[in-house]
Amino acid sequence: MCIAPRTAARHGEEVYWRDPGQTTWQFSTTGLPSNFGFAAAMHPRDRSTAYCIPLDGMRRTAAPFGIGVYRTTDKGKTWDRLDKGLPEGAPLESVREGMHNDRLDPMGLYFGTANGDVWASKTEGESWSRIAQYLPYVTSVHAATIE
């Protein structure tokens, strides 16, 4: 799954990175708790920053480590877990188009789960709030700025 055209890719297993003009992809999964997952997003103004939600490949949920959004600010060389406000240890699942960002400053980041929740961060992932619940299985999340 692409998390940004010509910059980073996530295709179910592993994360790869390349800069525009490069012809080879760099392995960027090291530091994540799993090599499997779908939901991912790129920062709209910082080409070194991306986000993803790792999942357990057998269960297709964030078990046993619980739901968390991981951020890299150095093109996938290192990853930090961002889970402030998320339910601790929750084995949630976010699917293929389940994460998106807006273009505000600071950037807002959003993801949906298979159990019908939508989570949002107004702080580029530093903290999270549930903004919707009891929805059907959330298969796609897209942000839009309305002025």
Protein backbone atom coordinates (compact mmCIF):
# COMPACT_ATOMS: atom_id res chain seq x y z
CA MET A 1 0.00 0.00 0.00
CA CYS A 2 1.44 3.37 -0.94
CA ILE A 3 1.66 5.91 1.85
CA ALA A 4 2.93 8.59 -0.49
CA PRO A 5 3.47 8.56 -4.22
CA ARG A 6 7.12 7.97 -5.06
CA THR A 7 8.23 8.34 -1.43
CA ALA A 8 7.22 5.41 0.77
CA ALA A 9 5.35 2.16 0.35
CA ARG A 10 3.62 -0.33 2.57
CA HIS A 11 2.16 -3.35 0.87
CA GLY A 12 0.93 -5.51 3.76
CA GLU A 13 4.36 -6.74 4.72
CA GLU A 14 7.35 -4.51 5.33
CA VAL A 15 7.83 -0.77 4.85
CA TYR A 16 10.06 0.63 2.10
CA TRP A 17 11.23 4.16 1.38
CA ARG A 18 12.66 5.99 -1.61
CA ASP A 19 13.10 9.64 -2.46
CA PRO A 20 11.93 11.12 -5.76
CA GLY A 21 14.54 10.39 -8.40
CA GLN A 22 15.83 7.25 -6.68
CA THR A 23 15.33 3.95 -8.49
CA THR A 24 15.69 1.56 -5.55
CA TRP A 25 13.60 1.19 -2.39
CA GLN A 26 15.22 1.15 1.07
CA PHE A 27 14.01 -1.38 3.65
CA SER A 28 12.48 0.67 6.51
CA THR A 29 10.67 -1.83 8.77
CA THR A 30 13.37 -2.13 11.45
CA GLY A 31 12.10 -0.72 14.76
CA LEU A 32 8.44 -1.62 14.23
CA PRO A 33 6.92 -4.38 16.43
CA SER A 34 5.68 -6.23 13.33
CA ASN A 35 6.44 -6.34 9.62
CA PHE A 36 2.70 -6.49 8.77
CA GLY A 37 0.03 -3.80 8.51
CA PHE A 38 -1.99 -1.70 6.11
CA ALA A 39 -2.86 1.78 7.41
CA ALA A 40 -0.24 4.41 6.69
CA ALA A 41 0.10 8.12 5.88
CA MET A 42 2.76 10.66 4.90
CA HIS A 43 3.17 14.09 6.43
CA PRO A 44 1.99 16.60 3.80
CA ARG A 45 4.91 19.03 4.27
CA ASP A 46 7.76 16.92 5.67
CA ARG A 47 9.01 14.24 3.26
CA SER A 48 10.98 12.58 6.09
CA THR A 49 7.90 11.90 8.25
CA ALA A 50 5.43 9.03 7.86
CA TYR A 51 2.99 7.14 10.10
CA CYS A 52 1.80 3.52 10.15
CA ILE A 53 -0.15 1.07 12.32
CA PRO A 54 1.60 -2.31 12.65
CA LEU A 55 -0.58 -5.41 13.04
CA ASP A 56 0.02 -9.04 13.99
CA GLY A 57 0.06 -10.86 10.65
CA MET A 58 -1.71 -13.96 11.97
CA ARG A 59 -4.50 -12.18 13.86
CA ARG A 60 -4.64 -9.06 11.63
CA THR A 61 -5.03 -6.95 14.79
CA ALA A 62 -2.61 -4.94 16.91
CA ALA A 63 -2.30 -7.89 19.31
CA PRO A 64 -0.31 -8.68 21.41
CA PHE A 65 1.20 -5.19 21.60
CA GLY A 66 -2.05 -3.17 21.36
CA ILE A 67 -3.04 -0.42 18.96
CA GLY A 68 -0.46 2.28 18.39
CA VAL A 69 0.55 4.64 15.63
CA TYR A 70 4.24 4.62 14.78
CA ARG A 71 6.00 7.68 13.39
CA THR A 72 9.31 8.05 11.63
CA THR A 73 10.89 11.47 11.19
CA ASP A 74 14.02 10.17 9.46
CA LYS A 75 12.65 8.31 6.42
CA GLY A 76 12.10 5.03 8.24
CA LYS A 77 15.47 4.68 9.97
CA THR A 78 13.79 4.84 13.41
CA TRP A 79 10.18 4.62 14.62
CA ASP A 80 8.44 6.01 17.73
CA ARG A 81 5.19 4.65 19.17
CA LEU A 82 2.48 7.30 19.61
CA ASP A 83 -0.35 5.96 21.79
CA LYS A 84 -1.30 8.68 24.31
CA GLY A 85 -5.11 8.53 24.59
CA LEU A 86 -5.47 5.19 22.79
CA PRO A 87 -6.88 2.23 24.76
CA GLU A 88 -3.91 0.41 26.32
CA GLY A 89 -3.34 -3.06 24.91
CA ALA A 90 -6.47 -2.97 22.70
CA PRO A 91 -6.15 -5.53 19.86
CA LEU A 92 -7.79 -3.26 17.27
CA GLU A 93 -7.44 -3.47 13.50
CA SER A 94 -7.09 -0.66 10.97
CA VAL A 95 -7.39 -1.65 7.33
CA ARG A 96 -5.95 -0.65 4.00
CA GLU A 97 -7.31 2.87 3.52
CA GLY A 98 -7.89 3.32 7.24
CA MET A 99 -5.56 6.27 7.91
CA HIS A 100 -5.39 9.77 6.47
CA ASN A 101 -4.17 13.25 7.36
CA ASP A 102 -5.31 16.79 6.78
CA ARG A 103 -3.15 19.68 5.62
CA LEU A 104 -3.55 21.94 8.66
CA ASP A 105 -0.64 23.19 10.74
CA PRO A 106 -0.20 21.31 12.98
CA MET A 107 -1.34 18.40 10.86
CA GLY A 108 -4.33 16.34 11.95
CA LEU A 109 -4.11 12.56 11.65
CA TYR A 110 -7.08 10.16 11.62
CA PHE A 111 -7.63 6.40 11.58
CA GLY A 112 -10.60 4.06 11.71
CA THR A 113 -10.91 0.58 13.16
CA ALA A 114 -12.72 -2.62 12.26
CA ASN A 115 -14.81 -2.31 15.45
CA GLY A 116 -16.31 1.01 14.30
CA ASP A 117 -14.19 3.67 16.02
CA VAL A 118 -12.53 6.70 14.42
CA TRP A 119 -9.57 8.24 16.24
CA ALA A 120 -8.09 11.69 15.65
CA SER A 121 -4.96 13.59 16.62
CA LYS A 122 -4.76 17.36 16.26
CA THR A 123 -1.12 17.19 17.37
CA GLU A 124 0.55 15.19 14.58
CA GLY A 125 0.04 11.96 16.51
CA GLU A 126 1.28 13.09 19.93
CA SER A 127 -2.14 12.43 21.53
CA TRP A 128 -5.39 10.79 20.38
CA SER A 129 -9.13 11.17 20.96
CA ARG A 130 -11.97 8.96 19.80
CA ILE A 131 -14.20 11.14 17.62
CA ALA A 132 -16.72 8.49 16.50
CA GLN A 133 -17.82 5.08 17.76
CA TYR A 134 -20.44 2.41 17.08
CA LEU A 135 -19.97 2.76 13.33
CA PRO A 136 -19.89 -0.26 11.05
CA TYR A 137 -16.49 -1.69 10.10
CA VAL A 138 -14.46 1.38 9.02
CA THR A 139 -12.77 0.50 5.73
CA SER A 140 -11.67 3.96 4.62
CA VAL A 141 -10.84 7.29 6.25
CA HIS A 142 -10.30 10.48 4.27
CA ALA A 143 -9.77 13.98 5.67
CA ALA A 144 -10.90 17.19 4.00
CA THR A 145 -10.50 20.79 5.04
CA ILE A 146 -13.66 22.85 4.62
CA GLU A 147 -13.25 26.61 4.70
